[in-house]
Amino acid sequence: INIQHVLAQKYNLKEKCQENMIASNRKLLSLISILFFSVAFDSTWALPDCDSKRPNQPSWASAYRTLYIPSFMIKEDDITQESWSKALCCVYTHVESSKSRRPSLKAYDGSISQIKKSNMIAAAKTSMKNICAMPMGKEDCRKQKACIDATTCMDVSKFTLNKKNKNLRIC
């Protein structure tokens, strides 16, 4: 009787271990699914595509600048963010989502400057102002004025004339 009792307990333990293992595997699978879908449906799709490249770039320079925006700053279906992304595309600046905590602007020469702003719109405005103040950027802003005006309600000349940019507005 003692042997039967020990075998019965051992069988019950084995059965409980298998049940716990199955439950753990289900939890793990659920966690993996949640992580997959949160990555797969990241808000990066909210940014419009940009394939502009600066013509006649010297061999040492990239064909475009990149403004990196932390993904938590990008809002879905935000028309103002979309307009700023398109305006920056006019001056050969691609806007991309990043996992960083702060926005940054990568110039043609590969140098990266931090943009100390807490939202996408402020980072885009500061970037446009900085780009239009750069020697090559000033030329880009002048030549692409019609493109910028078509995507926004702003007059690009205000970026070079009005340092405070108080009168800027965007559609």
Protein backbone atom coordinates (compact mmCIF):
# COMPACT_ATOMS: atom_id res chain seq x y z
CA ILE A 1 0.00 0.00 0.00
CA ASN A 2 2.84 2.34 0.77
CA ILE A 3 4.38 1.88 -2.71
CA GLN A 4 1.04 2.55 -4.40
CA HIS A 5 0.61 5.73 -2.38
CA VAL A 6 4.12 6.96 -3.33
CA LEU A 7 3.54 6.17 -7.02
CA ALA A 8 0.19 7.99 -6.96
CA GLN A 9 1.81 11.11 -5.43
CA LYS A 10 4.64 10.97 -7.98
CA TYR A 11 2.13 10.71 -10.85
CA ASN A 12 0.13 13.67 -9.45
CA LEU A 13 3.32 15.74 -9.16
CA LYS A 14 4.29 14.94 -12.74
CA GLU A 15 0.80 15.87 -13.93
CA LYS A 16 0.89 19.20 -12.02
CA CYS A 17 4.34 20.01 -13.44
CA GLN A 18 3.05 19.42 -16.96
CA GLU A 19 0.02 21.65 -16.30
CA ASN A 20 2.25 24.43 -14.92
CA MET A 21 4.57 24.10 -17.91
CA ILE A 22 1.65 24.40 -20.34
CA ALA A 23 0.32 27.46 -18.46
CA SER A 24 3.79 29.06 -18.50
CA ASN A 25 4.15 28.41 -22.23
CA ARG A 26 0.76 30.03 -22.87
CA LYS A 27 1.76 33.11 -20.88
CA LEU A 28 5.06 33.30 -22.75
CA LEU A 29 3.28 32.98 -26.10
CA SER A 30 0.85 35.75 -25.10
CA LEU A 31 3.73 38.01 -24.11
CA ILE A 32 5.55 37.35 -27.38
CA SER A 33 2.36 38.12 -29.32
CA ILE A 34 1.89 41.41 -27.48
CA LEU A 35 5.50 42.43 -28.13
CA PHE A 36 5.25 41.48 -31.80
CA PHE A 37 2.09 43.49 -32.37
CA SER A 38 3.38 46.52 -30.48
CA VAL A 39 6.48 46.54 -32.71
CA ALA A 40 4.60 45.67 -35.91
CA PHE A 41 2.09 48.46 -35.39
CA ASP A 42 4.51 51.13 -34.24
CA SER A 43 3.43 54.69 -35.06
CA THR A 44 6.23 55.12 -37.60
CA TRP A 45 3.73 54.68 -40.42
CA ALA A 46 2.21 58.05 -39.47
CA LEU A 47 5.14 59.85 -41.15
CA PRO A 48 4.85 60.45 -44.89
CA ASP A 49 7.47 58.91 -47.15
CA CYS A 50 10.18 61.17 -48.51
CA ASP A 51 12.57 60.28 -51.30
CA SER A 52 14.00 63.72 -52.09
CA LYS A 53 17.72 63.94 -52.77
CA ARG A 54 19.74 67.09 -53.18
CA PRO A 55 20.95 67.38 -56.77
CA ASN A 56 24.63 67.75 -57.62
CA GLN A 57 25.89 66.81 -54.18
CA PRO A 58 29.67 66.61 -53.72
CA SER A 59 31.01 63.08 -53.26
CA TRP A 60 31.75 63.66 -49.56
CA ALA A 61 28.15 64.56 -48.75
CA SER A 62 24.97 62.58 -48.24
CA ALA A 63 22.13 63.25 -50.69
CA TYR A 64 19.77 64.25 -47.87
CA ARG A 65 19.59 65.25 -44.21
CA THR A 66 17.65 63.22 -41.66
CA LEU A 67 15.58 64.51 -38.77
CA TYR A 68 15.19 61.71 -36.22
CA ILE A 69 12.07 62.01 -34.07
CA PRO A 70 11.52 59.76 -31.03
CA SER A 71 8.61 57.45 -31.82
CA PHE A 72 6.71 58.55 -28.69
CA MET A 73 6.50 62.09 -30.17
CA ILE A 74 4.81 60.93 -33.36
CA LYS A 75 1.02 61.09 -33.33
CA GLU A 76 -1.21 59.13 -35.66
CA ASP A 77 -3.08 61.12 -38.30
CA ASP A 78 -1.63 64.48 -37.24
CA ILE A 79 -1.99 66.80 -40.23
CA THR A 80 0.42 69.39 -38.83
CA GLN A 81 3.13 66.77 -38.32
CA GLU A 82 2.52 65.50 -41.83
CA SER A 83 2.80 69.05 -43.25
CA TRP A 84 6.07 69.68 -41.44
CA SER A 85 7.46 66.35 -42.66
CA LYS A 86 6.55 67.27 -46.24
CA ALA A 87 8.02 70.77 -45.88
CA LEU A 88 11.29 69.32 -44.60
CA CYS A 89 11.27 66.84 -47.48
CA CYS A 90 11.21 69.84 -49.83
CA VAL A 91 14.62 70.86 -48.45
CA TYR A 92 16.02 67.33 -48.76
CA THR A 93 15.42 66.39 -45.14
CA HIS A 94 13.83 63.02 -44.41
CA VAL A 95 11.91 62.68 -41.14
CA GLU A 96 12.27 59.28 -39.49
CA SER A 97 11.10 57.69 -36.28
CA SER A 98 13.78 56.67 -33.81
CA LYS A 99 14.05 54.93 -30.47
CA SER A 100 16.06 57.80 -28.97
CA ARG A 101 14.72 60.08 -26.22
CA ARG A 102 15.43 63.37 -28.07
CA PRO A 103 15.14 64.57 -31.65
CA SER A 104 18.35 65.00 -33.65
CA LEU A 105 19.30 66.30 -37.08
CA LYS A 106 21.89 64.55 -39.24
CA ALA A 107 23.47 66.95 -41.74
CA TYR A 108 24.86 66.23 -45.21
CA ASP A 109 28.34 65.76 -43.76
CA GLY A 110 27.10 63.14 -41.28
CA SER A 111 27.35 65.39 -38.22
CA ILE A 112 24.47 65.04 -35.78
CA SER A 113 23.07 67.85 -33.66
CA GLN A 114 20.60 67.37 -30.83
CA ILE A 115 17.33 69.28 -31.10
CA LYS A 116 16.27 70.20 -27.57
CA LYS A 117 12.52 70.15 -28.11
CA SER A 118 9.83 68.05 -26.46
CA ASN A 119 7.50 67.49 -29.42
CA MET A 120 7.70 66.77 -33.13
CA ILE A 121 6.34 70.13 -34.31
CA ALA A 122 8.81 72.16 -32.24
CA ALA A 123 11.66 69.91 -33.42
CA ALA A 124 10.59 70.33 -37.05
CA LYS A 125 10.35 74.14 -36.72
CA THR A 126 13.77 74.34 -35.10
CA SER A 127 15.24 72.04 -37.74
CA MET A 128 13.79 74.12 -40.58
CA LYS A 129 15.16 77.28 -38.97
CA ASN A 130 18.60 75.69 -38.55
CA ILE A 131 18.61 74.28 -42.09
CA CYS A 132 17.66 77.61 -43.64
CA ALA A 133 20.52 79.25 -41.70
CA MET A 134 23.15 76.81 -43.03
CA PRO A 135 25.07 77.80 -46.19
CA MET A 136 23.75 74.88 -48.29
CA GLY A 137 20.42 74.93 -46.45
CA LYS A 138 19.85 78.61 -47.22
CA GLU A 139 20.15 77.77 -50.91
CA ASP A 140 17.82 74.76 -50.49
CA CYS A 141 15.20 76.89 -48.73
CA ARG A 142 15.40 79.59 -51.41
CA LYS A 143 15.20 77.16 -54.34
CA GLN A 144 12.45 75.04 -52.78
CA LYS A 145 10.26 77.91 -51.56
CA ALA A 146 7.39 76.95 -53.88
CA CYS A 147 7.48 73.35 -52.65
CA ILE A 148 7.45 74.45 -49.01
CA ASP A 149 4.64 76.95 -49.66
CA ALA A 150 2.62 74.21 -51.37
CA THR A 151 2.81 71.94 -48.31
CA THR A 152 2.33 74.64 -45.69
CA CYS A 153 0.96 78.11 -45.05
CA MET A 154 4.38 79.45 -44.11
CA ASP A 155 6.64 81.80 -45.95
CA VAL A 156 10.10 80.23 -45.87
CA SER A 157 11.78 83.63 -46.05
CA LYS A 158 10.63 84.23 -42.46
CA PHE A 159 13.07 81.56 -41.33
CA THR A 160 15.98 83.63 -42.55
CA LEU A 161 14.52 87.10 -41.84
CA ASN A 162 12.69 86.62 -38.54
CA LYS A 163 14.88 84.79 -36.02
CA LYS A 164 12.08 84.36 -33.48
CA ASN A 165 9.65 82.87 -36.02
CA LYS A 166 6.68 84.25 -34.10
CA ASN A 167 4.53 84.75 -37.19
CA LEU A 168 4.85 81.26 -38.60
CA ARG A 169 1.78 79.17 -38.96
CA ILE A 170 1.14 75.92 -40.72
CA CYS A 171 -2.01 74.60 -42.39
